[in-house]
PDB file of N, CA and C in Angstrom:
ATOM      1  N   SER A   1      -4.444 -13.327   5.662  1.00  0.00           N
ATOM      2  CA  SER A   1      -4.228 -12.554   6.690  1.00  0.00           C
ATOM      3  C   SER A   1      -3.966 -11.305   6.498  1.00  0.00           C
ATOM      4  N   LYS A   2      -4.156 -10.505   7.260  1.00  0.00           N
ATOM      5  CA  LYS A   2      -4.197  -8.993   6.613  1.00  0.00           C
ATOM      6  C   LYS A   2      -2.566  -8.349   7.406  1.00  0.00           C
ATOM      7  N   PRO A   3      -2.313  -7.483   6.632  1.00  0.00           N
ATOM      8  CA  PRO A   3      -1.059  -6.815   7.242  1.00  0.00           C
ATOM      9  C   PRO A   3      -1.246  -6.204   8.284  1.00  0.00           C
ATOM     10  N   ILE A   4      -0.053  -6.085   8.688  1.00  0.00           N
ATOM     11  CA  ILE A   4      -0.044  -5.649  10.497  1.00  0.00           C
ATOM     12  C   ILE A   4       0.126  -3.841  10.067  1.00  0.00           C
ATOM     13  N   ILE A   5      -0.621  -2.992  10.933  1.00  0.00           N
ATOM     14  CA  ILE A   5      -0.719  -1.551  10.385  1.00  0.00           C
ATOM     15  C   ILE A   5      -0.004  -1.203  11.564  1.00  0.00           C
ATOM     16  N   VAL A   6       1.186  -0.126  11.619  1.00  0.00           N
ATOM     17  CA  VAL A   6       1.505   0.376  12.472  1.00  0.00           C
ATOM     18  C   VAL A   6       0.989   1.782  12.336  1.00  0.00           C
ATOM     19  N   CYS A   7       0.139   2.699  13.365  1.00  0.00           N
ATOM     20  CA  CYS A   7      -0.214   3.894  12.427  1.00  0.00           C
ATOM     21  C   CYS A   7       0.193   5.392  13.130  1.00  0.00           C
ATOM     22  N   PRO A   8       1.278   6.150  12.693  1.00  0.00           N
ATOM     23  CA  PRO A   8       1.117   7.394  13.307  1.00  0.00           C
ATOM     24  C   PRO A   8       0.317   8.395  12.442  1.00  0.00           C
ATOM     25  N   PRO A   9       0.006   9.398  13.097  1.00  0.00           N
ATOM     26  CA  PRO A   9      -1.234  10.245  12.211  1.00  0.00           C
ATOM     27  C   PRO A   9      -1.245  10.294  11.057  1.00  0.00           C
ATOM     28  N   GLU A  10       0.183  10.858  10.393  1.00  0.00           N
ATOM     29  CA  GLU A  10       0.193  11.055   9.430  1.00  0.00           C
ATOM     30  C   GLU A  10       0.863   9.965   8.179  1.00  0.00           C
ATOM     31  N   ARG A  11       1.246   8.628   8.980  1.00  0.00           N
ATOM     32  CA  ARG A  11       1.546   7.720   7.788  1.00  0.00           C
ATOM     33  C   ARG A  11       0.859   6.230   8.111  1.00  0.00           C
ATOM     34  N   PHE A  12       1.045   5.166   7.410  1.00  0.00           N
ATOM     35  CA  PHE A  12       0.380   4.496   7.546  1.00  0.00           C
ATOM     36  C   PHE A  12       1.486   3.168   6.776  1.00  0.00           C
ATOM     37  N   HIS A  13       1.740   2.176   7.890  1.00  0.00           N
ATOM     38  CA  HIS A  13       2.965   1.284   7.071  1.00  0.00           C
ATOM     39  C   HIS A  13       2.251  -0.035   7.564  1.00  0.00           C
ATOM     40  N   TRP A  14       2.643  -1.055   6.637  1.00  0.00           N
ATOM     41  CA  TRP A  14       2.048  -2.283   6.342  1.00  0.00           C
ATOM     42  C   TRP A  14       2.944  -3.300   6.057  1.00  0.00           C
ATOM     43  N   LEU A  15       3.628  -4.590   6.544  1.00  0.00           N
ATOM     44  CA  LEU A  15       4.136  -5.427   6.424  1.00  0.00           C
ATOM     45  C   LEU A  15       3.540  -6.544   5.470  1.00  0.00           C
ATOM     46  N   VAL A  16       3.893  -6.787   4.331  1.00  0.00           N
ATOM     47  CA  VAL A  16       3.154  -7.564   3.451  1.00  0.00           C
ATOM     48  C   VAL A  16       3.644  -8.964   4.250  1.00  0.00           C
ATOM     49  N   PRO A  17       2.532  -9.587   4.335  1.00  0.00           N
ATOM     50  CA  PRO A  17       2.508 -11.272   4.619  1.00  0.00           C
ATOM     51  C   PRO A  17       2.948 -11.917   3.294  1.00  0.00           C
ATOM     52  N   ILE A  18       3.501 -13.245   3.684  1.00  0.00           N
ATOM     53  CA  ILE A  18       4.215 -14.008   2.558  1.00  0.00           C
ATOM     54  C   ILE A  18       3.344 -14.784   1.936  1.00  0.00           C
ATOM     55  N   ASP A  19       1.524 -14.407   2.346  1.00  0.00           N
ATOM     56  CA  ASP A  19       0.779 -15.264   1.549  1.00  0.00           C
ATOM     57  C   ASP A  19       0.231 -14.152   0.628  1.00  0.00           C
ATOM     58  N   LEU A  20       0.600 -13.173   0.721  1.00  0.00           N
ATOM     59  CA  LEU A  20      -0.036 -12.050  -0.084  1.00  0.00           C
ATOM     60  C   LEU A  20       0.985 -11.250  -1.287  1.00  0.00           C
ATOM     61  N   ALA A  21       2.204 -11.766  -0.908  1.00  0.00           N
ATOM     62  CA  ALA A  21       3.219 -11.535  -1.757  1.00  0.00           C
ATOM     63  C   ALA A  21       3.312 -11.669  -3.163  1.00  0.00           C
ATOM     64  N   GLY A  22       3.440 -10.745  -4.318  1.00  0.00           N
ATOM     65  CA  GLY A  22       3.262 -11.167  -5.908  1.00  0.00           C
ATOM     66  C   GLY A  22       2.102 -11.604  -6.057  1.00  0.00           C
ATOM     67  N   THR A  23       1.170 -11.519  -5.263  1.00  0.00           N
ATOM     68  CA  THR A  23      -0.043 -11.797  -5.871  1.00  0.00           C
ATOM     69  C   THR A  23      -1.051 -10.332  -5.588  1.00  0.00           C
ATOM     70  N   ILE A  24      -0.370  -9.154  -5.273  1.00  0.00           N
ATOM     71  CA  ILE A  24      -1.580  -8.506  -4.968  1.00  0.00           C
ATOM     72  C   ILE A  24      -0.879  -7.327  -5.454  1.00  0.00           C
ATOM     73  N   ARG A  25      -1.790  -6.155  -6.175  1.00  0.00           N
ATOM     74  CA  ARG A  25      -1.039  -5.059  -6.582  1.00  0.00           C
ATOM     75  C   ARG A  25      -1.111  -4.033  -5.351  1.00  0.00           C
ATOM     76  N   ALA A  26      -0.336  -3.050  -5.209  1.00  0.00           N
ATOM     77  CA  ALA A  26      -0.052  -2.125  -4.278  1.00  0.00           C
ATOM     78  C   ALA A  26      -1.467  -1.381  -3.696  1.00  0.00           C
ATOM     79  N   ASP A  27      -2.006  -1.125  -5.136  1.00  0.00           N
ATOM     80  CA  ASP A  27      -3.545  -0.197  -5.067  1.00  0.00           C
ATOM     81  C   ASP A  27      -4.595  -0.760  -4.567  1.00  0.00           C
ATOM     82  N   ILE A  28      -4.546  -2.051  -4.808  1.00  0.00           N
ATOM     83  CA  ILE A  28      -5.439  -2.837  -4.151  1.00  0.00           C
ATOM     84  C   ILE A  28      -5.304  -3.401  -2.445  1.00  0.00           C
ATOM     85  N   LEU A  29      -4.095  -3.559  -2.433  1.00  0.00           N
ATOM     86  CA  LEU A  29      -3.790  -3.377  -1.031  1.00  0.00           C
ATOM     87  C   LEU A  29      -3.728  -2.164  -0.291  1.00  0.00           C
ATOM     88  N   ILE A  30      -4.159  -0.977  -0.789  1.00  0.00           N
ATOM     89  CA  ILE A  30      -4.634   0.165  -0.018  1.00  0.00           C
ATOM     90  C   ILE A  30      -5.930   0.151  -0.091  1.00  0.00           C
ATOM     91  N   ASN A  31      -6.341   0.184  -1.345  1.00  0.00           N
ATOM     92  CA  ASN A  31      -8.280   0.123  -0.968  1.00  0.00           C
ATOM     93  C   ASN A  31      -8.310  -0.942  -0.029  1.00  0.00           C
ATOM     94  N   GLN A  32      -8.151  -2.349  -0.009  1.00  0.00           N
ATOM     95  CA  GLN A  32      -8.634  -2.965   1.311  1.00  0.00           C
ATOM     96  C   GLN A  32      -8.421  -2.887   2.641  1.00  0.00           C
ATOM     97  N   ASN A  33      -7.224  -2.343   2.611  1.00  0.00           N
ATOM     98  CA  ASN A  33      -6.935  -1.765   4.295  1.00  0.00           C
ATOM     99  C   ASN A  33      -7.125  -0.268   4.492  1.00  0.00           C
ATOM    100  N   LEU A  34      -7.928   0.454   3.735  1.00  0.00           N
ATOM    101  CA  LEU A  34      -8.177   1.998   3.833  1.00  0.00           C
ATOM    102  C   LEU A  34      -9.491   1.944   2.739  1.00  0.00           C
ATOM    103  N   PRO A  35     -10.558   1.692   3.096  1.00  0.00           N
ATOM    104  CA  PRO A  35     -11.592   1.764   2.185  1.00  0.00           C
ATOM    105  C   PRO A  35     -12.249   2.716   2.241  1.00  0.00           C
ATOM    106  N   VAL A  36     -12.102   3.623   3.306  1.00  0.00           N
ATOM    107  CA  VAL A  36     -12.596   5.143   3.449  1.00  0.00           C
ATOM    108  C   VAL A  36     -11.975   5.946   2.502  1.00  0.00           C
ATOM    109  N   LEU A  37     -10.834   5.996   1.802  1.00  0.00           N
ATOM    110  CA  LEU A  37      -9.892   6.728   1.084  1.00  0.00           C
ATOM    111  C   LEU A  37     -10.908   6.428  -0.274  1.00  0.00           C
ATOM    112  N   SER A  38     -11.375   7.413  -1.245  1.00  0.00           N
ATOM    113  CA  SER A  38     -11.895   7.656  -2.445  1.00  0.00           C
ATOM    114  C   SER A  38     -10.962   7.040  -3.148  1.00  0.00           C
ATOM    115  N   ARG A  39     -11.377   6.395  -4.766  1.00  0.00           N
ATOM    116  CA  ARG A  39     -10.478   6.210  -5.790  1.00  0.00           C
ATOM    117  C   ARG A  39      -9.587   7.489  -6.036  1.00  0.00           C
ATOM    118  N   ARG A  40     -10.284   8.373  -5.969  1.00  0.00           N
ATOM    119  CA  ARG A  40      -9.486   9.899  -6.564  1.00  0.00           C
ATOM    120  C   ARG A  40      -8.762  10.136  -5.535  1.00  0.00           C
ATOM    121  N   ALA A  41      -8.664   9.897  -4.149  1.00  0.00           N
ATOM    122  CA  ALA A  41      -7.813  10.193  -3.055  1.00  0.00           C
ATOM    123  C   ALA A  41      -6.244   9.244  -3.309  1.00  0.00           C
ATOM    124  N   ARG A  42      -6.615   7.999  -3.616  1.00  0.00           N
ATOM    125  CA  ARG A  42      -5.865   6.823  -4.035  1.00  0.00           C
ATOM    126  C   ARG A  42      -5.058   7.057  -5.258  1.00  0.00           C
ATOM    127  N   VAL A  43      -5.443   7.529  -6.309  1.00  0.00           N
ATOM    128  CA  VAL A  43      -4.535   7.839  -7.530  1.00  0.00           C
ATOM    129  C   VAL A  43      -3.995   9.123  -7.260  1.00  0.00           C
ATOM    130  N   GLU A  44      -4.510  10.529  -6.458  1.00  0.00           N
ATOM    131  CA  GLU A  44      -3.691  11.226  -5.943  1.00  0.00           C
ATOM    132  C   GLU A  44      -2.571  11.207  -5.017  1.00  0.00           C
ATOM    133  N   LEU A  45      -2.410  10.055  -4.110  1.00  0.00           N
ATOM    134  CA  LEU A  45      -1.402   9.404  -3.355  1.00  0.00           C
ATOM    135  C   LEU A  45      -0.119   8.925  -4.455  1.00  0.00           C
ATOM    136  N   PHE A  46      -0.490   8.178  -4.965  1.00  0.00           N
ATOM    137  CA  PHE A  46       0.253   7.583  -6.451  1.00  0.00           C
ATOM    138  C   PHE A  46       1.260   8.708  -7.446  1.00  0.00           C
ATOM    139  N   SER A  47       0.604   9.348  -7.689  1.00  0.00           N
ATOM    140  CA  SER A  47       0.809  10.597  -8.662  1.00  0.00           C
ATOM    141  C   SER A  47       1.969  11.611  -7.816  1.00  0.00           C
ATOM    142  N   LYS A  48       1.413  11.762  -6.322  1.00  0.00           N
ATOM    143  CA  LYS A  48       2.516  12.593  -5.353  1.00  0.00           C
ATOM    144  C   LYS A  48       3.473  11.907  -5.201  1.00  0.00           C
ATOM    145  N   GLN A  49       3.652  10.259  -5.531  1.00  0.00           N
ATOM    146  CA  GLN A  49       4.893   9.675  -5.266  1.00  0.00           C
ATOM    147  C   GLN A  49       4.483   9.357  -3.730  1.00  0.00           C
ATOM    148  N   ALA A  50       3.380   9.400  -3.080  1.00  0.00           N
ATOM    149  CA  ALA A  50       3.299   8.845  -1.581  1.00  0.00           C
ATOM    150  C   ALA A  50       3.312   7.853  -1.075  1.00  0.00           C
ATOM    151  N   VAL A  51       3.101   6.794  -2.091  1.00  0.00           N
ATOM    152  CA  VAL A  51       3.259   5.515  -1.653  1.00  0.00           C
ATOM    153  C   VAL A  51       4.790   4.843  -2.395  1.00  0.00           C
ATOM    154  N   ARG A  52       5.046   4.374  -0.969  1.00  0.00           N
ATOM    155  CA  ARG A  52       6.577   4.007  -1.110  1.00  0.00           C
ATOM    156  C   ARG A  52       6.565   2.491  -0.213  1.00  0.00           C
ATOM    157  N   ILE A  53       7.383   1.837  -0.949  1.00  0.00           N
ATOM    158  CA  ILE A  53       7.700   0.591  -0.596  1.00  0.00           C
ATOM    159  C   ILE A  53       8.994   0.433  -0.438  1.00  0.00           C
ATOM    160  N   ASN A  54       9.851   0.479   0.600  1.00  0.00           N
ATOM    161  CA  ASN A  54      11.130   0.367   1.295  1.00  0.00           C
ATOM    162  C   ASN A  54      12.097   1.674   0.773  1.00  0.00           C
ATOM    163  N   GLY A  55      10.834   2.750   0.859  1.00  0.00           N
ATOM    164  CA  GLY A  55      11.725   4.006   0.645  1.00  0.00           C
ATOM    165  C   GLY A  55      11.573   4.666  -0.522  1.00  0.00           C
ATOM    166  N   ARG A  56      10.848   3.765  -1.532  1.00  0.00           N
ATOM    167  CA  ARG A  56      10.767   4.478  -3.028  1.00  0.00           C
ATOM    168  C   ARG A  56       9.316   4.276  -3.767  1.00  0.00           C
ATOM    169  N   PRO A  57       9.323   5.570  -4.123  1.00  0.00           N
ATOM    170  CA  PRO A  57       7.872   5.606  -4.431  1.00  0.00           C
ATOM    171  C   PRO A  57       7.758   4.522  -5.484  1.00  0.00           C
ATOM    172  N   ILE A  58       6.387   3.803  -5.776  1.00  0.00           N
ATOM    173  CA  ILE A  58       5.999   3.090  -6.517  1.00  0.00           C
ATOM    174  C   ILE A  58       4.794   3.289  -7.108  1.00  0.00           C
ATOM    175  N   ALA A  59       4.484   2.476  -8.461  1.00  0.00           N
ATOM    176  CA  ALA A  59       3.458   3.026  -9.403  1.00  0.00           C
ATOM    177  C   ALA A  59       2.343   1.756  -8.441  1.00  0.00           C
ATOM    178  N   LYS A  60       0.749   2.174  -9.092  1.00  0.00           N
ATOM    179  CA  LYS A  60      -0.151   1.435  -8.470  1.00  0.00           C
ATOM    180  C   LYS A  60      -0.035   0.400  -9.116  1.00  0.00           C
ATOM    181  N   GLY A  61       0.489  -0.324  -9.634  1.00  0.00           N
ATOM    182  CA  GLY A  61       0.256  -1.432 -10.137  1.00  0.00           C
ATOM    183  C   GLY A  61       1.542  -2.390  -9.652  1.00  0.00           C
ATOM    184  N   PHE A  62       2.362  -1.849  -9.232  1.00  0.00           N
ATOM    185  CA  PHE A  62       3.419  -2.403  -8.197  1.00  0.00           C
ATOM    186  C   PHE A  62       2.682  -3.592  -7.545  1.00  0.00           C
ATOM    187  N   LYS A  63       3.674  -4.735  -7.689  1.00  0.00           N
ATOM    188  CA  LYS A  63       3.097  -6.066  -7.394  1.00  0.00           C
ATOM    189  C   LYS A  63       3.959  -6.403  -5.735  1.00  0.00           C
ATOM    190  N   VAL A  64       3.528  -6.421  -4.785  1.00  0.00           N
ATOM    191  CA  VAL A  64       4.424  -6.377  -3.273  1.00  0.00           C
ATOM    192  C   VAL A  64       5.057  -7.617  -3.095  1.00  0.00           C
ATOM    193  N   SER A  65       6.008  -7.571  -2.690  1.00  0.00           N
ATOM    194  CA  SER A  65       7.070  -8.707  -2.319  1.00  0.00           C
ATOM    195  C   SER A  65       7.136  -9.047  -0.944  1.00  0.00           C
ATOM    196  N   PRO A  66       7.658 -10.205  -0.205  1.00  0.00           N
ATOM    197  CA  PRO A  66       7.543 -10.209   1.036  1.00  0.00           C
ATOM    198  C   PRO A  66       8.288  -9.385   1.776  1.00  0.00           C
ATOM    199  N   GLY A  67       7.708  -8.893   2.808  1.00  0.00           N
ATOM    200  CA  GLY A  67       8.370  -8.227   3.825  1.00  0.00           C
ATOM    201  C   GLY A  67       8.469  -6.847   3.715  1.00  0.00           C
ATOM    202  N   ASP A  68       7.987  -6.745   2.400  1.00  0.00           N
ATOM    203  CA  ASP A  68       7.808  -4.869   1.660  1.00  0.00           C
ATOM    204  C   ASP A  68       6.830  -4.463   2.306  1.00  0.00           C
TER     205      ASP A  68
END
């Protein structure tokens, strides 16, 4: 199943479903849910620490957990 997206204009929030937890990397999750972003844009988001889970910046290879 796809994560639930709540989308204010400048942010995206996803709740990781149990069936994806621990099996998918954060960068892949973003790619699947925001396919319009270029690879360069995704890399830049991570390098600027703009991708956060539970308020903490994460690396692109971070594997998500249930409820993240």
